[in-house]
Protein backbone atom coordinates (compact mmCIF):
# COMPACT_ATOMS: atom_id res chain seq x y z
CA MET A 1 -24.70 -56.73 21.97
CA GLN A 2 -28.35 -56.65 20.95
CA LEU A 3 -29.67 -53.90 18.69
CA LEU A 4 -33.13 -52.37 19.03
CA ASN A 5 -33.63 -49.85 16.24
CA LEU A 6 -37.13 -48.83 17.23
CA THR A 7 -39.17 -45.64 17.54
CA VAL A 8 -42.60 -46.21 19.05
CA PRO A 9 -45.49 -43.82 18.28
CA LEU A 10 -45.85 -41.67 21.41
CA PRO A 11 -43.22 -39.49 23.15
CA ALA A 12 -44.01 -40.99 26.55
CA GLU A 13 -43.66 -44.51 25.16
CA ASN A 14 -40.23 -43.72 23.78
CA VAL A 15 -38.97 -42.26 27.05
CA ALA A 16 -40.48 -45.16 28.99
CA LEU A 17 -38.95 -47.78 26.70
CA ASP A 18 -35.40 -46.83 27.68
CA GLU A 19 -36.33 -47.32 31.34
CA ALA A 20 -38.17 -50.55 30.56
CA LEU A 21 -35.05 -51.99 28.91
CA LEU A 22 -33.02 -51.25 32.04
CA ASP A 23 -35.66 -52.77 34.31
CA ALA A 24 -35.95 -55.88 32.13
CA CYS A 25 -32.18 -56.42 32.19
CA GLU A 26 -32.09 -55.89 35.94
CA ALA A 27 -34.88 -58.45 36.40
CA GLY A 28 -33.07 -61.02 34.27
CA GLU A 29 -35.67 -60.93 31.52
CA ILE A 30 -33.09 -59.79 28.95
CA GLU A 31 -29.58 -61.17 28.83
CA GLY A 32 -26.55 -59.21 27.73
CA SER A 33 -26.23 -55.58 26.73
CA ILE A 34 -28.43 -53.45 24.45
CA LEU A 35 -28.04 -50.60 22.01
CA ARG A 36 -31.28 -48.81 21.21
CA LEU A 37 -31.60 -46.18 18.44
CA TRP A 38 -34.66 -44.04 17.81
CA GLU A 39 -35.79 -40.69 16.46
CA PRO A 40 -39.12 -38.98 17.22
CA LYS A 41 -41.31 -37.53 14.50
CA GLU A 42 -42.64 -34.78 16.77
CA TYR A 43 -41.10 -32.38 19.27
CA PHE A 44 -41.25 -32.94 23.01
CA VAL A 45 -39.33 -31.78 26.06
CA VAL A 46 -37.63 -34.22 28.43
CA LEU A 47 -36.63 -33.07 31.91
CA GLY A 48 -33.84 -34.67 33.89
CA ARG A 49 -34.76 -36.37 37.15
CA SER A 50 -34.25 -33.19 39.19
CA SER A 51 -34.84 -30.51 36.53
CA ASP A 52 -37.20 -27.62 37.30
CA PRO A 53 -39.75 -27.21 34.47
CA VAL A 54 -40.71 -23.70 35.56
CA ALA A 55 -37.08 -22.54 35.38
CA GLU A 56 -35.92 -24.52 32.34
CA VAL A 57 -38.92 -24.74 29.99
CA ASN A 58 -41.04 -22.16 28.20
CA LEU A 59 -44.22 -23.79 29.45
CA ALA A 60 -46.50 -21.24 27.80
CA ALA A 61 -45.05 -22.06 24.38
CA CYS A 62 -45.31 -25.78 25.04
CA ARG A 63 -48.94 -25.47 26.08
CA SER A 64 -49.74 -23.31 23.07
CA GLU A 65 -48.29 -25.89 20.69
CA ARG A 66 -49.42 -28.89 22.75
CA ILE A 67 -45.85 -30.11 23.15
CA PRO A 68 -45.48 -32.74 25.90
CA VAL A 69 -43.08 -32.15 28.76
CA LEU A 70 -41.92 -35.41 30.34
CA ARG A 71 -39.55 -36.31 33.17
CA ARG A 72 -37.17 -39.21 32.57
CA ALA A 73 -35.69 -41.49 35.23
CA SER A 74 -32.09 -40.44 34.60
CA GLY A 75 -30.26 -37.30 35.67
CA GLY A 76 -28.81 -34.62 33.43
CA GLY A 77 -30.37 -31.49 32.03
CA THR A 78 -33.50 -30.66 30.08
CA ILE A 79 -33.51 -31.47 26.36
CA LEU A 80 -35.75 -30.94 23.37
CA ALA A 81 -36.22 -34.06 21.24
CA GLY A 82 -37.59 -34.15 17.73
CA PRO A 83 -36.87 -34.76 14.05
CA GLY A 84 -33.19 -34.48 13.19
CA CYS A 85 -32.08 -35.61 16.65
CA LEU A 86 -31.03 -39.26 16.79
CA MET A 87 -31.52 -40.68 20.27
CA TYR A 88 -29.38 -43.55 21.50
CA ALA A 89 -29.39 -45.66 24.64
CA VAL A 90 -27.13 -48.41 25.92
CA VAL A 91 -27.91 -50.77 28.78
CA LEU A 92 -24.70 -52.25 30.13
CA SER A 93 -23.85 -54.75 32.86
CA TYR A 94 -21.50 -53.91 35.72
CA LEU A 95 -20.05 -57.40 35.26
CA ASP A 96 -18.65 -56.15 31.95
CA TYR A 97 -18.02 -52.56 33.01
CA SER A 98 -17.06 -52.70 36.68
CA GLU A 99 -15.31 -49.31 36.48
CA ALA A 100 -18.64 -47.73 35.57
CA LYS A 101 -19.77 -47.96 39.20
CA SER A 102 -17.99 -44.62 39.41
CA ILE A 103 -20.35 -42.11 37.81
CA THR A 104 -17.44 -40.15 36.37
CA ARG A 105 -15.99 -43.28 34.78
CA ALA A 106 -19.41 -44.32 33.46
CA HIS A 107 -19.64 -41.02 31.57
CA GLN A 108 -16.12 -41.45 30.24
CA ILE A 109 -16.53 -45.08 29.20
CA VAL A 110 -19.68 -44.57 27.16
CA LEU A 111 -18.81 -41.18 25.70
CA GLN A 112 -15.35 -42.36 24.66
CA ARG A 113 -16.97 -45.26 22.79
CA VAL A 114 -19.46 -42.96 21.07
CA ALA A 115 -16.72 -40.46 20.18
CA GLU A 116 -14.53 -43.23 18.77
CA SER A 117 -17.47 -44.60 16.78
CA LEU A 118 -18.04 -41.20 15.14
CA ALA A 119 -14.38 -40.22 14.76
CA SER A 120 -14.21 -41.01 11.03
CA LEU A 121 -17.31 -38.88 10.41
CA VAL A 122 -16.55 -35.96 12.73
CA PRO A 123 -12.88 -35.20 13.39
CA GLY A 124 -11.96 -33.63 16.69
CA ILE A 125 -14.84 -34.81 18.89
CA THR A 126 -14.14 -34.16 22.54
CA LEU A 127 -15.79 -34.92 25.86
CA ALA A 128 -16.93 -31.66 27.44
CA GLY A 129 -18.57 -30.66 30.70
CA THR A 130 -19.92 -33.52 32.77
CA SER A 131 -21.62 -35.54 30.04
CA ASP A 132 -21.49 -33.70 26.70
CA LEU A 133 -19.89 -34.39 23.36
CA ALA A 134 -18.72 -31.38 21.37
CA PHE A 135 -16.55 -30.35 18.44
CA PHE A 136 -14.61 -27.25 17.44
CA THR A 137 -16.25 -25.10 14.78
CA GLN A 138 -13.98 -22.98 12.58
CA LYS A 139 -14.99 -19.33 12.64
CA SER A 140 -15.21 -17.41 9.36
CA SER A 141 -12.90 -14.64 10.56
CA PRO A 142 -9.22 -15.52 11.16
CA SER A 143 -9.22 -13.16 14.13
CA LYS A 144 -11.80 -15.25 15.95
CA LYS A 145 -10.93 -18.38 17.88
CA ASN A 146 -12.46 -21.75 17.16
CA THR A 147 -15.56 -22.38 19.23
CA LEU A 148 -16.44 -25.58 21.04
CA GLN A 149 -20.06 -26.46 20.25
CA LYS A 150 -22.21 -29.15 21.79
CA PHE A 151 -23.98 -31.75 19.66
CA SER A 152 -24.74 -34.39 22.28
CA GLY A 153 -26.13 -34.29 25.82
CA ASN A 154 -26.26 -37.45 27.90
CA ALA A 155 -27.57 -38.90 31.15
CA LEU A 156 -27.19 -41.94 33.40
CA ARG A 157 -29.51 -44.16 35.42
CA ALA A 158 -27.86 -46.81 37.61
CA LYS A 159 -29.31 -49.91 39.22
CA ARG A 160 -27.59 -52.71 41.13
CA LYS A 161 -26.52 -54.91 38.20
CA PHE A 162 -27.04 -52.76 35.11
CA PHE A 163 -26.95 -49.11 34.13
CA LEU A 164 -28.68 -47.12 31.41
CA TYR A 165 -26.77 -44.46 29.52
CA HIS A 166 -28.62 -42.44 26.90
CA GLY A 167 -28.31 -39.24 24.96
CA THR A 168 -28.89 -37.09 21.90
CA LEU A 169 -27.02 -36.70 18.62
CA LEU A 170 -27.98 -33.58 16.65
CA TYR A 171 -27.56 -33.88 12.89
CA ASP A 172 -30.47 -32.09 11.19
CA PHE A 173 -32.30 -30.47 14.08
CA ASP A 174 -34.20 -27.18 13.94
CA LEU A 175 -32.02 -25.41 16.49
CA ALA A 176 -34.34 -22.39 16.61
CA ARG A 177 -36.92 -24.61 18.30
CA VAL A 178 -34.59 -25.02 21.28
CA GLU A 179 -34.57 -21.27 21.92
CA GLN A 180 -38.32 -21.15 21.45
CA LEU A 181 -39.21 -23.94 23.88
CA LEU A 182 -36.38 -24.03 26.43
CA THR A 183 -35.01 -21.29 28.64
CA GLN A 184 -31.36 -20.91 29.60
CA GLN A 185 -30.42 -23.91 31.73
CA THR A 186 -30.03 -23.46 35.47
CA ARG A 187 -26.90 -25.65 35.46
CA GLU A 188 -24.38 -24.79 32.75
CA PRO A 189 -20.95 -26.28 31.99
CA LEU A 190 -18.05 -23.86 32.13
CA TYR A 191 -17.30 -24.25 28.43
CA ARG A 192 -20.70 -22.79 27.55
CA ALA A 193 -19.41 -19.44 28.80
CA GLY A 194 -22.88 -17.91 28.96
CA ARG A 195 -23.66 -18.45 25.28
CA GLU A 196 -27.26 -18.54 24.04
CA HIS A 197 -28.61 -21.82 22.68
CA ARG A 198 -28.03 -20.80 19.05
CA GLU A 199 -24.34 -20.13 19.74
CA PHE A 200 -23.76 -23.16 21.94
CA ILE A 201 -25.33 -26.12 20.14
CA ALA A 202 -24.77 -27.32 16.58
CA ASN A 203 -25.68 -30.07 14.16
CA LEU A 204 -23.22 -32.64 12.88
CA SER A 205 -22.67 -32.61 9.12
CA VAL A 206 -23.67 -36.25 8.73
CA THR A 207 -26.76 -38.23 7.78
CA ARG A 208 -28.91 -40.34 10.05
CA GLU A 209 -27.84 -43.44 8.15
CA GLN A 210 -24.18 -42.64 8.77
CA LEU A 211 -24.79 -42.14 12.49
CA VAL A 212 -26.71 -45.39 12.83
CA ALA A 213 -24.09 -47.40 10.94
CA ALA A 214 -21.25 -45.89 12.98
CA LEU A 215 -22.90 -46.60 16.33
CA VAL A 216 -23.90 -50.15 15.39
CA GLU A 217 -20.33 -50.89 14.32
CA GLY A 218 -18.77 -49.08 17.26
CA TRP A 219 -20.82 -51.00 19.81
CA GLN A 220 -20.71 -54.25 17.83
CA ALA A 221 -24.49 -54.49 18.07
CA THR A 222 -24.85 -57.42 15.71
CA GLU A 223 -27.83 -59.25 17.23
CA ILE A 224 -31.28 -57.92 16.39
CA MET A 225 -33.42 -57.70 19.52
CA THR A 226 -36.89 -59.22 19.38
CA PRO A 227 -39.22 -59.08 21.20
CA TRP A 228 -38.93 -55.93 23.31
CA PRO A 229 -40.53 -55.21 26.73
CA GLN A 230 -43.89 -53.82 25.62
CA ASP A 231 -45.77 -54.59 28.83
CA ARG A 232 -43.15 -52.92 30.99
CA THR A 233 -43.20 -49.89 28.71
CA LYS A 234 -46.97 -49.57 28.92
CA GLN A 235 -46.89 -49.86 32.70
CA ILE A 236 -44.24 -47.16 33.06
CA VAL A 237 -46.24 -44.83 30.79
CA LYS A 238 -49.34 -45.44 32.89
CA GLU A 239 -47.55 -44.88 36.20
CA LYS A 240 -45.29 -41.95 35.31
CA TYR A 241 -46.18 -40.09 32.16
CA VAL A 242 -49.90 -39.76 31.56
CA ASP A 243 -50.35 -37.18 34.32
CA ASP A 244 -47.25 -35.22 33.20
CA VAL A 245 -48.59 -34.77 29.69
CA ARG A 246 -52.05 -33.84 30.92
CA TRP A 247 -50.62 -31.27 33.33
CA VAL A 248 -48.57 -29.47 30.67
CA ILE A 249 -51.31 -29.40 28.05
CA MET A 250 -54.28 -28.59 30.25
CA SER A 251 -52.90 -26.20 32.86
CA SER A 252 -53.41 -22.51 32.15
């Protein structure tokens, strides 16, 4: 597997690059599978393909702070990206993962691999909801039950020959920013049980370096990828994201 450990400058470029990697693999411009790792230096919101920004985002707060709101090509829910949230993406071939043509199995295959990769760092990781990773947090009071908290949300984009699977890994994220910039999601997994963001999500007690090393080893991403699809990325930004950013920042 090829490794692309790359964060490009702009939020839209980073979101577009995941899609560009999928398109390049589908077009035969890149051979084999890819693991991409990146982490933004600034906050931005990313909607799922069918997410409603009015219902799921505090647009007034985003406009006030000039925080971009983008819509990715994959499904899943709305996320807030930023420092302390390691983003990962894998582009995999259906020739190697034929079972992944089932969306349910695609979630299981990738999330199982990620969970196994992190098992030595975070005991008790479990797959939760449709496409989350979570762990049980011990409560301070013996009378209270352990609580399952989410640290990773994930999404899928499928094409004919390849599929993109990408997600978040919280390790040093300012969780208060989530409550400030996102509203309660319109689609919630049962295990959330109506909890507010601050009670539902949590950081892993690991470093970025530990996460990167674990994922690289777990996916056996031993080949450094160079070059990467810059032209495709620029074209996707031009076609899909420039107007989104302008709309969020400029609208009243």
